[in-house]
Amino acid sequence: MAFQSEYASVEPVELPIHEAVLGRAAEYGETPALIDGTNGDTITYAQLDVFHRRIAAALAEAGLRQGDVLALHSPNTIAYPVVFYAATRAGASVTTIHPLSTAEEFAKQLADSSARWIVTVSPLLGVARRAAELVGGIKEIFVCDIAEGHRSVLDMLASTAPEPALTIDPSEDIAALPYSSGTTGVPKGVMLTHRSIATNLAQLDPFIPMGPGDRILAVLPFFHIYGLTALMNAPLRNGATVVVLPRFELDQFLGAIQKHRINGLYVAPPIVLALAKHPAVAKYDLSCLEYIVSAAAPLDAALAQACSSRLGLPPVLQAYGMTELSPGTHVVPRNAPH
């Protein structure tokens, strides 16, 4: 027996990921796109559009060519999405590196993905340099901040080089090369096309809609496909504001929700547990929250109920996916009957 979804069919999105996500950036203009949850630094949509184009031009001028692989090695920062979209606009595939990787683990991913360029941050520069030495063939290491002897993407914003003029085939060209969790062996690179990622975003739109005025807290890592999709691509595609934290620290996390009036959380079960049980939660005003989505691991029904009851929210929504599918396959809709 065939079952037909009550939702409309989604046609493949035949766009490069930077166009699929930032195609309406000019329309959103001065709306904050990215806010650093640690210091308040902000990038508007208009700036995000200009910044990623200038960095793409500078990368091309440095020698990056269509088909190259760029390794993005960083915790969550407001520069991370800018560099990601700049690299794809320049024609590169981005392999996302766990910021806590050892030099040996990093080198294995560099070799396996055939990466030739690295973008990192100064606190991780030593690991990146060692990984580059181990694998060989790295053309240049850039930093997102400032480090002696390395070009910064901040300086690239002043580039006067022409924007790369190239043709991307969304159905064939690889946008991202994240590495799977390795639950069935060593981590494996997953080749995600521009069309695959962009189409999955369109598939998810009806279930958990976002738009201008929404504020999403990005505490799960962008390097992981869950964070890359739910906390970076999806909200930026729809004009929401993403408040970025580099790691999960409970008081910082709760303080960011209160200060920035976060209305949507995308988390994993350990954070649901903290929200349900930790006494620190009572010290913060979390009344701005409207919904919570949990994914990446199974969530116990009793724990989900304890969290939603404590915060006075609708039931915690659950989602499922896998890296190979860009990643979302199942999600409880926000408007599902409670």
Protein backbone atom coordinates (compact mmCIF):
# COMPACT_ATOMS: atom_id res chain seq x y z
CA MET A 1 0.00 0.00 0.00
CA ALA A 2 1.29 3.45 -0.91
CA PHE A 3 1.00 6.31 1.54
CA GLN A 4 0.89 9.91 0.34
CA SER A 5 2.23 12.68 2.52
CA GLU A 6 -0.14 15.47 3.45
CA TYR A 7 2.72 17.84 2.61
CA ALA A 8 3.42 19.01 -0.92
CA SER A 9 6.16 17.31 -2.89
CA VAL A 10 9.49 19.11 -2.96
CA GLU A 11 11.28 19.59 -6.24
CA PRO A 12 15.08 19.31 -6.27
CA VAL A 13 16.75 22.66 -5.54
CA GLU A 14 19.18 23.20 -8.40
CA LEU A 15 21.28 25.90 -6.77
CA PRO A 16 24.76 26.12 -5.27
CA ILE A 17 24.44 26.04 -1.49
CA HIS A 18 25.62 29.65 -1.09
CA GLU A 19 22.85 30.79 -3.44
CA ALA A 20 20.25 28.51 -1.85
CA VAL A 21 21.05 29.95 1.59
CA LEU A 22 22.05 33.55 0.85
CA GLY A 23 19.93 34.25 -2.22
CA ARG A 24 17.66 36.54 -0.18
CA ALA A 25 20.38 38.12 1.96
CA ALA A 26 19.96 41.52 0.28
CA GLU A 27 16.25 41.40 1.10
CA TYR A 28 16.99 40.78 4.79
CA GLY A 29 19.52 43.63 4.69
CA GLU A 30 20.31 45.01 8.15
CA THR A 31 18.65 42.13 9.99
CA PRO A 32 21.27 40.50 12.22
CA ALA A 33 22.33 37.22 10.67
CA LEU A 34 24.98 36.15 13.17
CA ILE A 35 25.62 37.34 16.73
CA ASP A 36 28.58 36.23 18.81
CA GLY A 37 26.98 35.06 22.05
CA THR A 38 30.18 35.75 24.00
CA ASN A 39 30.76 39.40 23.08
CA GLY A 40 27.82 40.60 20.99
CA ASP A 41 29.72 41.10 17.72
CA THR A 42 27.18 41.06 14.91
CA ILE A 43 27.13 40.40 11.17
CA THR A 44 24.04 41.55 9.28
CA TYR A 45 22.67 39.76 6.23
CA ALA A 46 23.95 42.54 3.99
CA GLN A 47 27.43 42.16 5.49
CA LEU A 48 27.30 38.36 5.25
CA ASP A 49 26.54 38.64 1.55
CA VAL A 50 29.40 41.07 0.89
CA PHE A 51 31.89 39.39 3.22
CA HIS A 52 31.57 35.90 1.78
CA ARG A 53 31.91 37.26 -1.76
CA ARG A 54 35.09 39.20 -0.90
CA ILE A 55 36.65 36.20 0.82
CA ALA A 56 35.73 34.01 -2.16
CA ALA A 57 37.54 36.47 -4.41
CA ALA A 58 40.60 36.48 -2.14
CA LEU A 59 40.68 32.67 -1.98
CA ALA A 60 40.56 32.48 -5.76
CA GLU A 61 43.33 35.07 -5.99
CA ALA A 62 45.41 32.96 -3.57
CA GLY A 63 45.14 30.05 -5.99
CA LEU A 64 42.15 28.05 -4.82
CA ARG A 65 40.46 26.49 -7.84
CA GLN A 66 37.15 24.82 -8.55
CA GLY A 67 37.25 21.25 -7.29
CA ASP A 68 39.80 21.95 -4.54
CA VAL A 69 39.01 20.87 -0.99
CA LEU A 70 39.29 23.35 1.88
CA ALA A 71 39.46 22.11 5.48
CA LEU A 72 37.53 24.30 7.91
CA HIS A 73 38.94 23.72 11.39
CA SER A 74 37.26 25.86 14.01
CA PRO A 75 34.80 25.90 16.88
CA ASN A 76 31.58 27.78 16.26
CA THR A 77 32.26 31.45 15.51
CA ILE A 78 30.43 34.07 13.48
CA ALA A 79 33.21 33.73 10.89
CA TYR A 80 32.50 30.04 10.30
CA PRO A 81 29.48 30.47 7.98
CA VAL A 82 31.21 33.32 6.15
CA VAL A 83 34.20 31.12 5.33
CA PHE A 84 32.04 28.13 4.44
CA TYR A 85 29.99 30.04 1.86
CA ALA A 86 33.07 31.88 0.57
CA ALA A 87 34.79 28.56 -0.10
CA THR A 88 31.80 27.07 -1.92
CA ARG A 89 31.38 30.26 -3.97
CA ALA A 90 35.04 29.93 -4.98
CA GLY A 91 34.26 26.40 -6.17
CA ALA A 92 35.75 24.43 -3.29
CA SER A 93 34.31 21.55 -1.33
CA VAL A 94 34.49 22.13 2.43
CA THR A 95 35.57 19.32 4.70
CA THR A 96 34.61 20.19 8.27
CA ILE A 97 37.15 19.24 10.94
CA HIS A 98 36.38 18.52 14.59
CA PRO A 99 38.09 21.37 16.49
CA LEU A 100 39.31 18.91 19.15
CA SER A 101 40.94 16.57 16.65
CA THR A 102 44.52 15.59 17.33
CA ALA A 103 47.07 16.48 14.68
CA GLU A 104 47.12 12.82 13.63
CA GLU A 105 43.33 12.65 13.28
CA PHE A 106 43.34 15.94 11.41
CA ALA A 107 46.07 14.67 9.06
CA LYS A 108 44.09 11.52 8.28
CA GLN A 109 41.09 13.60 7.25
CA LEU A 110 43.26 15.94 5.18
CA ALA A 111 44.76 12.97 3.35
CA ASP A 112 41.47 11.15 2.90
CA SER A 113 39.66 14.23 1.58
CA SER A 114 42.62 15.45 -0.51
CA ALA A 115 42.34 18.86 1.14
CA ARG A 116 44.94 21.42 0.05
CA TRP A 117 43.82 24.48 2.01
CA ILE A 118 43.14 24.99 5.71
CA VAL A 119 41.23 27.71 7.52
CA THR A 120 41.61 27.58 11.31
CA VAL A 121 41.76 29.86 14.37
CA SER A 122 44.88 30.92 16.23
CA PRO A 123 44.27 28.75 19.36
CA LEU A 124 44.20 25.67 17.10
CA LEU A 125 47.00 26.76 14.79
CA GLY A 126 49.60 24.45 16.32
CA VAL A 127 47.47 21.39 15.62
CA ALA A 128 46.72 22.58 12.09
CA ARG A 129 50.40 23.19 11.35
CA ARG A 130 51.40 19.76 12.67
CA ALA A 131 48.64 18.07 10.65
CA ALA A 132 49.82 19.91 7.53
CA GLU A 133 53.37 18.71 8.15
CA LEU A 134 52.21 15.13 8.60
CA VAL A 135 50.20 14.98 5.39
CA GLY A 136 52.18 17.32 3.12
CA GLY A 137 50.84 19.12 0.09
CA ILE A 138 48.96 21.86 1.95
CA LYS A 139 49.18 25.07 -0.06
CA GLU A 140 48.33 27.56 2.69
CA ILE A 141 46.89 27.82 6.19
CA PHE A 142 44.65 30.83 6.80
CA VAL A 143 43.24 31.99 10.14
CA CYS A 144 39.88 33.51 11.01
CA ASP A 145 41.44 35.85 13.57
CA ILE A 146 45.07 37.02 13.76
CA ALA A 147 48.27 34.96 13.83
CA GLU A 148 51.77 36.00 12.84
CA GLY A 149 52.90 34.50 9.57
CA HIS A 150 49.41 33.58 8.37
CA ARG A 151 46.92 35.48 6.27
CA SER A 152 43.66 36.28 7.99
CA VAL A 153 40.23 36.10 6.44
CA LEU A 154 39.66 39.47 8.13
CA ASP A 155 42.21 40.99 5.75
CA MET A 156 40.50 39.28 2.84
CA LEU A 157 37.46 41.49 3.37
CA ALA A 158 39.44 44.32 1.74
CA SER A 159 40.21 42.23 -1.35
CA THR A 160 39.68 44.00 -4.68
CA ALA A 161 40.10 40.79 -6.68
CA PRO A 162 37.26 39.86 -9.04
CA GLU A 163 34.62 37.51 -7.72
CA PRO A 164 35.13 34.00 -9.11
CA ALA A 165 33.17 33.41 -12.30
CA LEU A 166 32.49 29.71 -12.52
CA THR A 167 29.67 27.29 -13.21
CA ILE A 168 28.67 24.90 -10.44
CA ASP A 169 26.65 21.79 -11.24
CA PRO A 170 24.49 21.41 -8.11
CA SER A 171 23.69 17.77 -8.85
CA GLU A 172 27.31 16.68 -9.27
CA ASP A 173 29.63 19.13 -7.50
CA ILE A 174 30.43 18.46 -3.85
CA ALA A 175 29.63 21.28 -1.44
CA ALA A 176 30.56 19.62 1.83
CA LEU A 177 32.65 16.67 2.98
CA PRO A 178 31.67 16.12 6.61
CA TYR A 179 32.92 12.96 8.29
CA SER A 180 30.51 10.48 9.81
CA SER A 181 30.67 9.50 13.46
CA GLY A 182 32.44 6.26 12.63
CA THR A 183 29.93 4.06 14.49
CA THR A 184 30.58 1.24 12.04
CA GLY A 185 34.32 1.77 11.79
CA VAL A 186 36.65 4.66 11.20
CA PRO A 187 35.07 8.01 10.27
CA LYS A 188 34.15 8.22 6.60
CA GLY A 189 33.93 11.26 4.38
CA VAL A 190 30.42 11.86 3.07
CA MET A 191 30.18 13.60 -0.30
CA LEU A 192 27.20 15.96 -0.17
CA THR A 193 26.29 17.79 -3.34
CA HIS A 194 24.96 21.32 -3.42
CA ARG A 195 21.57 19.96 -4.57
CA SER A 196 21.43 17.39 -1.79
CA ILE A 197 21.96 19.92 0.99
CA ALA A 198 19.75 22.60 -0.56
CA THR A 199 16.89 20.20 -1.27
CA ASN A 200 16.95 18.84 2.26
CA LEU A 201 16.57 22.40 3.54
CA ALA A 202 13.47 22.81 1.37
CA GLN A 203 12.12 19.48 2.65
CA LEU A 204 12.49 20.64 6.26
CA ASP A 205 10.89 24.06 5.77
CA PRO A 206 7.22 23.07 6.33
CA PHE A 207 7.95 21.18 9.53
CA ILE A 208 9.93 23.70 11.54
CA PRO A 209 9.48 27.04 9.79
CA MET A 210 11.85 29.91 10.60
CA GLY A 211 11.99 33.51 9.46
CA PRO A 212 12.93 37.08 10.39
CA GLY A 213 12.30 37.61 14.08
CA ASP A 214 13.28 34.07 15.01
CA ARG A 215 16.39 33.72 17.15
CA ILE A 216 18.20 30.39 17.14
CA LEU A 217 21.02 29.48 19.53
CA ALA A 218 23.91 27.67 17.80
CA VAL A 219 25.67 25.72 20.53
CA LEU A 220 25.92 22.37 18.75
CA PRO A 221 28.96 22.36 16.45
CA PHE A 222 28.75 23.61 12.88
CA PHE A 223 31.30 20.99 11.83
CA HIS A 224 28.68 18.28 12.43
CA ILE A 225 25.94 17.88 9.82
CA TYR A 226 23.21 18.52 12.42
CA GLY A 227 24.69 21.88 13.34
CA LEU A 228 25.56 22.69 9.74
CA THR A 229 21.96 22.17 8.65
CA ALA A 230 19.77 23.11 11.61
CA LEU A 231 21.87 25.90 13.10
CA MET A 232 23.57 27.42 10.07
CA ASN A 233 22.02 26.71 6.67
CA ALA A 234 18.35 26.51 7.65
CA PRO A 235 18.05 29.70 9.74
CA LEU A 236 20.28 31.77 7.44
CA ARG A 237 18.23 30.63 4.45
CA ASN A 238 15.11 32.08 6.03
CA GLY A 239 16.26 35.35 7.59
CA ALA A 240 16.46 34.21 11.21
CA THR A 241 19.16 35.40 13.59
CA VAL A 242 21.74 32.87 14.77
CA VAL A 243 23.39 33.50 18.14
CA VAL A 244 26.67 31.58 18.13
CA LEU A 245 28.41 29.93 21.09
CA PRO A 246 31.76 28.12 20.77
CA ARG A 247 30.87 25.29 23.15
CA PHE A 248 28.26 24.15 25.66
CA GLU A 249 28.74 25.66 29.10
CA LEU A 250 25.47 25.62 31.00
CA ASP A 251 25.46 29.09 32.54
CA GLN A 252 26.71 30.72 29.33
CA PHE A 253 24.08 28.78 27.38
CA LEU A 254 21.24 29.79 29.72
CA GLY A 255 22.48 33.37 29.87
CA ALA A 256 22.49 33.60 26.06
CA ILE A 257 18.89 32.36 25.90
CA GLN A 258 17.84 35.02 28.39
CA LYS A 259 19.88 37.91 26.94
CA HIS A 260 19.17 37.32 23.26
CA ARG A 261 15.57 36.14 23.72
CA ILE A 262 16.13 32.86 21.93
CA ASN A 263 12.88 31.29 20.77
CA GLY A 264 14.13 28.04 19.18
CA LEU A 265 16.60 25.47 20.48
CA TYR A 266 18.12 22.61 18.50
CA VAL A 267 19.92 20.36 20.95
CA ALA A 268 20.93 16.80 21.82
CA PRO A 269 19.57 14.74 24.73
CA PRO A 270 22.27 15.71 27.27
CA ILE A 271 21.17 19.34 26.97
CA VAL A 272 17.52 18.31 27.37
CA LEU A 273 18.60 16.53 30.57
CA ALA A 274 20.28 19.70 31.85
CA LEU A 275 17.19 21.79 31.09
CA ALA A 276 14.97 19.27 32.85
CA LYS A 277 17.04 18.63 35.96
CA HIS A 278 19.82 21.14 36.64
CA PRO A 279 19.11 23.65 39.44
CA ALA A 280 20.88 26.47 37.53
CA VAL A 281 17.97 26.63 35.09
CA ALA A 282 15.79 28.26 37.76
CA LYS A 283 18.10 31.31 37.86
CA TYR A 284 17.32 32.37 34.30
CA ASP A 285 14.30 33.77 32.49
CA LEU A 286 13.68 31.30 29.66
CA SER A 287 10.14 32.45 28.94
CA CYS A 288 11.20 33.50 25.42
CA LEU A 289 11.54 29.85 24.36
CA GLU A 290 8.79 28.58 22.07
CA TYR A 291 10.06 25.15 21.07
CA ILE A 292 12.90 22.67 21.47
CA VAL A 293 14.06 20.10 18.94
CA SER A 294 16.22 17.19 20.04
CA ALA A 295 18.19 14.98 17.66
CA ALA A 296 21.53 13.14 17.25
CA ALA A 297 20.57 10.43 19.77
CA PRO A 298 17.39 8.84 21.16
CA LEU A 299 15.49 10.90 23.73
CA ASP A 300 13.59 9.17 26.53
CA ALA A 301 9.90 10.12 26.58
CA ALA A 302 9.87 10.75 30.32
CA LEU A 303 12.87 13.06 30.06
CA ALA A 304 11.28 14.94 27.16
CA GLN A 305 8.12 15.41 29.24
CA ALA A 306 10.11 16.55 32.28
CA CYS A 307 11.88 19.19 30.18
CA SER A 308 8.76 20.57 28.51
CA SER A 309 6.83 20.58 31.80
CA ARG A 310 9.57 22.43 33.66
CA LEU A 311 9.86 25.11 30.98
CA GLY A 312 6.15 25.35 30.23
CA LEU A 313 6.67 24.43 26.59
CA PRO A 314 4.94 22.16 24.08
CA PRO A 315 6.40 18.65 23.95
CA VAL A 316 10.06 18.47 22.92
CA LEU A 317 10.14 17.66 19.21
CA GLN A 318 12.38 14.88 17.98
CA ALA A 319 14.17 14.57 14.66
CA TYR A 320 16.25 11.89 12.97
CA GLY A 321 18.72 11.97 10.15
CA MET A 322 22.05 10.74 8.91
CA THR A 323 25.02 12.54 7.41
CA GLU A 324 24.56 10.77 4.09
CA LEU A 325 21.10 12.33 3.69
CA SER A 326 22.17 15.93 4.35
CA PRO A 327 20.82 14.93 7.04
CA GLY A 328 17.13 15.28 7.90
CA THR A 329 14.73 12.41 7.20
CA HIS A 330 12.22 12.54 10.06
CA VAL A 331 11.01 15.36 12.28
CA VAL A 332 7.93 15.98 14.38
CA PRO A 333 6.28 19.12 12.94
CA ARG A 334 5.92 22.17 15.16
CA ASN A 335 2.20 22.23 14.48
CA ALA A 336 1.68 18.54 15.34
CA PRO A 337 -1.22 17.88 17.75
CA HIS A 338 0.02 17.68 21.34
